[in-house]
Amino acid sequence: MTKKQKILLSIFLALFVVPELLWSPVGNFVYQWFQDSNHVIPYRDNFLMQSNNINWFSTIVFIQLLGIFLTFVYLIIINKNIKNRWGFWSSLLFTFLLSVIVFLSFGLSISLRNIGF
């Protein structure tokens, strides 16, 4: 990659990663799921965690799951061009684990919607 491409990649990653870390609905959902009490203060407050917005939450999580799945497929397609095999397998494993977490969160949001949350 050229220097210009690396700079643009880091800018676009920062534009995606920072809001995702700060206001991620999946992170809030998993955090609240593992708490012991019924009155959990959210890790980062956002409108998607309210019970009347569960349809929006499911839609956003589905879009995230689709993006992660397409990233996984893209990594498999371009594996012939990657010279660093350790980096390829670690990014593939990270993408797979992230997709499992998002998929479980999506499944729980669908099941919670069906039981009246």
N, C-alpha and C. Protein backbone atom coordinates (compact mmCIF):
# COMPACT_ATOMS: atom_id res chain seq x y z
N MET A 1 0.84 -1.18 0.00
CA MET A 1 0.00 0.00 0.00
C MET A 1 0.88 1.24 0.00
N THR A 2 0.42 2.24 -0.68
CA THR A 2 1.15 3.49 -0.67
C THR A 2 0.87 4.25 0.62
N LYS A 3 1.65 5.28 0.84
CA LYS A 3 1.48 6.06 2.07
C LYS A 3 0.12 6.75 2.09
N LYS A 4 -0.32 7.23 0.94
CA LYS A 4 -1.62 7.89 0.85
C LYS A 4 -2.75 6.91 1.17
N GLN A 5 -2.65 5.69 0.67
CA GLN A 5 -3.67 4.68 0.95
C GLN A 5 -3.70 4.31 2.43
N LYS A 6 -2.53 4.22 3.05
CA LYS A 6 -2.48 3.90 4.48
C LYS A 6 -3.10 5.01 5.32
N ILE A 7 -2.85 6.26 4.93
CA ILE A 7 -3.44 7.39 5.66
C ILE A 7 -4.95 7.38 5.51
N LEU A 8 -5.44 7.17 4.29
CA LEU A 8 -6.89 7.13 4.08
C LEU A 8 -7.53 5.96 4.80
N LEU A 9 -6.86 4.82 4.82
CA LEU A 9 -7.39 3.67 5.54
C LEU A 9 -7.48 3.95 7.03
N SER A 10 -6.46 4.57 7.59
CA SER A 10 -6.50 4.87 9.02
C SER A 10 -7.57 5.91 9.34
N ILE A 11 -7.80 6.88 8.47
CA ILE A 11 -8.86 7.87 8.69
C ILE A 11 -10.22 7.20 8.65
N PHE A 12 -10.47 6.37 7.66
CA PHE A 12 -11.77 5.71 7.54
C PHE A 12 -12.00 4.71 8.67
N LEU A 13 -10.95 4.02 9.10
CA LEU A 13 -11.09 3.12 10.25
C LEU A 13 -11.40 3.90 11.52
N ALA A 14 -10.75 5.04 11.70
CA ALA A 14 -11.03 5.86 12.88
C ALA A 14 -12.46 6.39 12.85
N LEU A 15 -12.95 6.76 11.67
CA LEU A 15 -14.32 7.24 11.55
C LEU A 15 -15.33 6.14 11.87
N PHE A 16 -14.97 4.90 11.66
CA PHE A 16 -15.88 3.79 11.97
C PHE A 16 -15.69 3.28 13.39
N VAL A 17 -14.45 3.09 13.81
CA VAL A 17 -14.17 2.42 15.07
C VAL A 17 -14.53 3.27 16.28
N VAL A 18 -14.22 4.55 16.26
CA VAL A 18 -14.47 5.39 17.43
C VAL A 18 -15.95 5.44 17.79
N PRO A 19 -16.87 5.75 16.86
CA PRO A 19 -18.29 5.72 17.24
C PRO A 19 -18.78 4.33 17.61
N GLU A 20 -18.23 3.32 16.98
CA GLU A 20 -18.65 1.96 17.29
C GLU A 20 -18.25 1.57 18.71
N LEU A 21 -17.10 1.99 19.15
CA LEU A 21 -16.68 1.70 20.52
C LEU A 21 -17.46 2.52 21.54
N LEU A 22 -17.77 3.75 21.20
CA LEU A 22 -18.45 4.62 22.15
C LEU A 22 -19.94 4.32 22.28
N TRP A 23 -20.62 4.07 21.17
CA TRP A 23 -22.08 3.94 21.21
C TRP A 23 -22.57 2.65 20.57
N SER A 24 -21.87 1.58 20.77
CA SER A 24 -22.23 0.31 20.14
C SER A 24 -23.45 -0.31 20.83
N PRO A 25 -24.51 -0.60 20.08
CA PRO A 25 -25.65 -1.27 20.69
C PRO A 25 -25.33 -2.71 21.08
N VAL A 26 -24.43 -3.36 20.36
CA VAL A 26 -24.07 -4.73 20.69
C VAL A 26 -23.30 -4.78 22.01
N GLY A 27 -22.37 -3.85 22.19
CA GLY A 27 -21.63 -3.79 23.44
C GLY A 27 -22.53 -3.53 24.64
N ASN A 28 -23.49 -2.62 24.48
CA ASN A 28 -24.45 -2.35 25.56
C ASN A 28 -25.31 -3.57 25.85
N PHE A 29 -25.75 -4.24 24.80
CA PHE A 29 -26.63 -5.40 24.97
C PHE A 29 -25.91 -6.52 25.71
N VAL A 30 -24.68 -6.79 25.31
CA VAL A 30 -23.91 -7.86 25.96
C VAL A 30 -23.59 -7.46 27.40
N TYR A 31 -23.25 -6.19 27.63
CA TYR A 31 -22.95 -5.71 28.98
C TYR A 31 -24.16 -5.87 29.90
N GLN A 32 -25.34 -5.48 29.42
CA GLN A 32 -26.54 -5.59 30.24
C GLN A 32 -26.96 -7.03 30.44
N TRP A 33 -26.68 -7.88 29.49
CA TRP A 33 -27.07 -9.28 29.58
C TRP A 33 -26.31 -9.99 30.69
N PHE A 34 -25.04 -9.65 30.89
CA PHE A 34 -24.22 -10.33 31.88
C PHE A 34 -24.28 -9.71 33.28
N GLN A 35 -25.10 -8.71 33.49
CA GLN A 35 -25.25 -8.12 34.82
C GLN A 35 -26.22 -8.94 35.65
N ASP A 36 -26.08 -8.86 36.96
CA ASP A 36 -26.88 -9.69 37.86
C ASP A 36 -28.23 -9.08 38.22
N SER A 37 -28.35 -7.78 38.27
CA SER A 37 -29.59 -7.18 38.75
C SER A 37 -30.48 -6.76 37.58
N ASN A 38 -31.71 -6.36 37.91
CA ASN A 38 -32.65 -5.91 36.90
C ASN A 38 -32.50 -4.43 36.58
N HIS A 39 -31.84 -3.69 37.44
CA HIS A 39 -31.68 -2.25 37.26
C HIS A 39 -30.24 -1.94 36.88
N VAL A 40 -29.89 -2.25 35.66
CA VAL A 40 -28.52 -2.07 35.19
C VAL A 40 -28.40 -0.71 34.51
N ILE A 41 -27.39 0.03 34.90
CA ILE A 41 -27.10 1.29 34.21
C ILE A 41 -26.31 0.93 32.96
N PRO A 42 -26.76 1.38 31.79
CA PRO A 42 -26.07 1.01 30.55
C PRO A 42 -24.63 1.52 30.52
N TYR A 43 -23.79 0.77 29.86
CA TYR A 43 -22.39 1.14 29.72
C TYR A 43 -22.28 2.48 28.99
N ARG A 44 -22.92 2.59 27.87
CA ARG A 44 -23.05 3.84 27.13
C ARG A 44 -24.52 3.98 26.75
N ASP A 45 -25.14 5.05 27.19
CA ASP A 45 -26.57 5.22 26.96
C ASP A 45 -26.84 5.58 25.50
N ASN A 46 -27.76 4.88 24.88
CA ASN A 46 -28.24 5.23 23.55
C ASN A 46 -29.71 4.83 23.42
N PHE A 47 -30.37 5.38 22.43
CA PHE A 47 -31.81 5.17 22.30
C PHE A 47 -32.17 3.76 21.87
N LEU A 48 -31.24 3.00 21.35
CA LEU A 48 -31.55 1.66 20.86
C LEU A 48 -31.79 0.66 21.99
N MET A 49 -31.35 0.99 23.19
CA MET A 49 -31.48 0.04 24.29
C MET A 49 -32.82 0.16 25.03
N GLN A 50 -33.67 1.09 24.63
CA GLN A 50 -34.98 1.22 25.25
C GLN A 50 -35.90 0.16 24.66
N SER A 51 -36.87 -0.27 25.45
CA SER A 51 -37.70 -1.40 25.04
C SER A 51 -38.60 -1.08 23.86
N ASN A 52 -38.94 0.18 23.64
CA ASN A 52 -39.81 0.51 22.52
C ASN A 52 -39.04 0.66 21.21
N ASN A 53 -37.74 0.53 21.22
CA ASN A 53 -36.93 0.64 20.00
C ASN A 53 -36.26 -0.67 19.63
N ILE A 54 -36.84 -1.79 20.01
CA ILE A 54 -36.21 -3.08 19.75
C ILE A 54 -36.18 -3.41 18.25
N ASN A 55 -37.14 -2.88 17.48
CA ASN A 55 -37.11 -3.10 16.04
C ASN A 55 -35.93 -2.38 15.40
N TRP A 56 -35.67 -1.14 15.84
CA TRP A 56 -34.50 -0.42 15.34
C TRP A 56 -33.21 -1.13 15.73
N PHE A 57 -33.18 -1.62 16.96
CA PHE A 57 -32.00 -2.34 17.44
C PHE A 57 -31.74 -3.57 16.57
N SER A 58 -32.79 -4.33 16.27
CA SER A 58 -32.62 -5.53 15.45
C SER A 58 -32.14 -5.16 14.05
N THR A 59 -32.65 -4.07 13.50
CA THR A 59 -32.24 -3.63 12.17
C THR A 59 -30.76 -3.23 12.15
N ILE A 60 -30.34 -2.45 13.13
CA ILE A 60 -28.94 -2.01 13.19
C ILE A 60 -28.00 -3.20 13.39
N VAL A 61 -28.38 -4.12 14.25
CA VAL A 61 -27.53 -5.29 14.49
C VAL A 61 -27.47 -6.17 13.24
N PHE A 62 -28.58 -6.28 12.50
CA PHE A 62 -28.56 -7.05 11.26
C PHE A 62 -27.63 -6.41 10.23
N ILE A 63 -27.65 -5.09 10.13
CA ILE A 63 -26.75 -4.40 9.20
C ILE A 63 -25.29 -4.62 9.61
N GLN A 64 -25.01 -4.58 10.92
CA GLN A 64 -23.66 -4.85 11.39
C GLN A 64 -23.25 -6.29 11.08
N LEU A 65 -24.17 -7.22 11.27
CA LEU A 65 -23.87 -8.62 10.98
C LEU A 65 -23.60 -8.83 9.50
N LEU A 66 -24.36 -8.16 8.66
CA LEU A 66 -24.14 -8.26 7.22
C LEU A 66 -22.77 -7.70 6.83
N GLY A 67 -22.40 -6.57 7.41
CA GLY A 67 -21.08 -5.98 7.14
C GLY A 67 -19.95 -6.87 7.59
N ILE A 68 -20.10 -7.48 8.76
CA ILE A 68 -19.05 -8.38 9.26
C ILE A 68 -18.96 -9.62 8.39
N PHE A 69 -20.09 -10.15 7.95
CA PHE A 69 -20.08 -11.33 7.08
C PHE A 69 -19.42 -11.01 5.75
N LEU A 70 -19.72 -9.84 5.17
CA LEU A 70 -19.09 -9.46 3.91
C LEU A 70 -17.59 -9.24 4.08
N THR A 71 -17.17 -8.73 5.22
CA THR A 71 -15.74 -8.59 5.51
C THR A 71 -15.07 -9.96 5.58
N PHE A 72 -15.75 -10.91 6.22
CA PHE A 72 -15.23 -12.28 6.33
C PHE A 72 -15.07 -12.90 4.94
N VAL A 73 -16.07 -12.74 4.09
CA VAL A 73 -16.01 -13.28 2.72
C VAL A 73 -14.89 -12.59 1.94
N TYR A 74 -14.76 -11.28 2.08
CA TYR A 74 -13.72 -10.54 1.37
C TYR A 74 -12.33 -11.00 1.81
N LEU A 75 -12.15 -11.25 3.10
CA LEU A 75 -10.85 -11.74 3.57
C LEU A 75 -10.53 -13.11 2.99
N ILE A 76 -11.53 -13.95 2.84
CA ILE A 76 -11.30 -15.28 2.25
C ILE A 76 -10.95 -15.16 0.77
N ILE A 77 -11.60 -14.22 0.08
CA ILE A 77 -11.35 -14.06 -1.36
C ILE A 77 -9.94 -13.54 -1.62
N ILE A 78 -9.47 -12.58 -0.82
CA ILE A 78 -8.16 -11.96 -1.10
C ILE A 78 -7.01 -12.64 -0.39
N ASN A 79 -7.20 -13.83 0.16
CA ASN A 79 -6.12 -14.46 0.93
C ASN A 79 -4.91 -14.82 0.08
N LYS A 80 -5.05 -14.90 -1.23
CA LYS A 80 -3.90 -15.22 -2.08
C LYS A 80 -2.95 -14.04 -2.19
N ASN A 81 -3.47 -12.82 -2.02
CA ASN A 81 -2.64 -11.63 -2.15
C ASN A 81 -1.98 -11.23 -0.83
N ILE A 82 -2.33 -11.86 0.26
CA ILE A 82 -1.78 -11.49 1.55
C ILE A 82 -0.50 -12.28 1.80
N LYS A 83 0.57 -11.56 2.12
CA LYS A 83 1.85 -12.22 2.35
C LYS A 83 2.05 -12.60 3.80
N ASN A 84 1.45 -11.86 4.71
CA ASN A 84 1.58 -12.13 6.14
C ASN A 84 0.47 -13.09 6.56
N ARG A 85 0.78 -14.35 6.64
CA ARG A 85 -0.23 -15.37 6.97
C ARG A 85 -0.73 -15.26 8.40
N TRP A 86 0.16 -14.89 9.33
CA TRP A 86 -0.25 -14.75 10.72
C TRP A 86 -1.29 -13.63 10.85
N GLY A 87 -1.06 -12.52 10.19
CA GLY A 87 -2.01 -11.41 10.21
C GLY A 87 -3.33 -11.79 9.57
N PHE A 88 -3.26 -12.57 8.49
CA PHE A 88 -4.48 -13.00 7.82
C PHE A 88 -5.32 -13.89 8.72
N TRP A 89 -4.68 -14.89 9.33
CA TRP A 89 -5.44 -15.82 10.17
C TRP A 89 -5.95 -15.16 11.44
N SER A 90 -5.17 -14.23 12.00
CA SER A 90 -5.65 -13.54 13.20
C SER A 90 -6.82 -12.62 12.88
N SER A 91 -6.77 -11.92 11.74
CA SER A 91 -7.91 -11.07 11.37
C SER A 91 -9.12 -11.91 11.00
N LEU A 92 -8.91 -13.06 10.39
CA LEU A 92 -10.02 -13.95 10.06
C LEU A 92 -10.66 -14.50 11.33
N LEU A 93 -9.85 -14.89 12.30
CA LEU A 93 -10.37 -15.38 13.58
C LEU A 93 -11.11 -14.28 14.34
N PHE A 94 -10.55 -13.08 14.36
CA PHE A 94 -11.21 -11.95 15.03
C PHE A 94 -12.55 -11.63 14.38
N THR A 95 -12.60 -11.64 13.06
CA THR A 95 -13.85 -11.37 12.35
C THR A 95 -14.87 -12.46 12.63
N PHE A 96 -14.43 -13.70 12.69
CA PHE A 96 -15.35 -14.79 12.99
C PHE A 96 -15.91 -14.68 14.40
N LEU A 97 -15.06 -14.40 15.39
CA LEU A 97 -15.54 -14.26 16.77
C LEU A 97 -16.48 -13.07 16.91
N LEU A 98 -16.17 -11.98 16.25
CA LEU A 98 -17.05 -10.81 16.28
C LEU A 98 -18.39 -11.12 15.64
N SER A 99 -18.39 -11.88 14.56
CA SER A 99 -19.65 -12.23 13.91
C SER A 99 -20.49 -13.15 14.80
N VAL A 100 -19.85 -14.03 15.56
CA VAL A 100 -20.60 -14.91 16.47
C VAL A 100 -21.26 -14.08 17.57
N ILE A 101 -20.54 -13.11 18.14
CA ILE A 101 -21.11 -12.27 19.18
C ILE A 101 -22.27 -11.45 18.65
N VAL A 102 -22.11 -10.86 17.48
CA VAL A 102 -23.18 -10.05 16.89
C VAL A 102 -24.36 -10.93 16.52
N PHE A 103 -24.10 -12.14 16.02
CA PHE A 103 -25.19 -13.05 15.67
C PHE A 103 -25.99 -13.45 16.91
N LEU A 104 -25.32 -13.74 18.01
CA LEU A 104 -26.03 -14.07 19.25
C LEU A 104 -26.84 -12.89 19.76
N SER A 105 -26.28 -11.70 19.65
CA SER A 105 -27.01 -10.50 20.06
C SER A 105 -28.23 -10.29 19.18
N PHE A 106 -28.09 -10.53 17.89
CA PHE A 106 -29.22 -10.40 16.97
C PHE A 106 -30.29 -11.43 17.29
N GLY A 107 -29.89 -12.66 17.55
CA GLY A 107 -30.86 -13.69 17.90
C GLY A 107 -31.59 -13.39 19.19
N LEU A 108 -30.87 -12.89 20.18
CA LEU A 108 -31.52 -12.52 21.44
C LEU A 108 -32.47 -11.35 21.26
N SER A 109 -32.12 -10.40 20.41
CA SER A 109 -33.02 -9.27 20.20
C SER A 109 -34.30 -9.71 19.51
N ILE A 110 -34.21 -10.67 18.60
CA ILE A 110 -35.41 -11.18 17.94
C ILE A 110 -36.26 -11.96 18.93
N SER A 111 -35.63 -12.79 19.76
CA SER A 111 -36.41 -13.58 20.72
C SER A 111 -37.00 -12.70 21.81
N LEU A 112 -36.30 -11.66 22.25
CA LEU A 112 -36.87 -10.76 23.24
C LEU A 112 -38.06 -9.99 22.69
N ARG A 113 -38.01 -9.65 21.41
CA ARG A 113 -39.14 -8.95 20.80
C ARG A 113 -40.36 -9.86 20.76
N ASN A 114 -40.15 -11.14 20.55
CA ASN A 114 -41.27 -12.07 20.44
C ASN A 114 -41.90 -12.40 21.78
N ILE A 115 -41.18 -12.19 22.90
CA ILE A 115 -41.77 -12.50 24.20
C ILE A 115 -42.27 -11.26 24.91
N GLY A 116 -42.24 -10.12 24.26
CA GLY A 116 -42.88 -8.94 24.81
C GLY A 116 -41.98 -7.86 25.36
N PHE A 117 -40.69 -7.91 25.12
CA PHE A 117 -39.81 -6.84 25.58
C PHE A 117 -39.84 -5.69 24.61
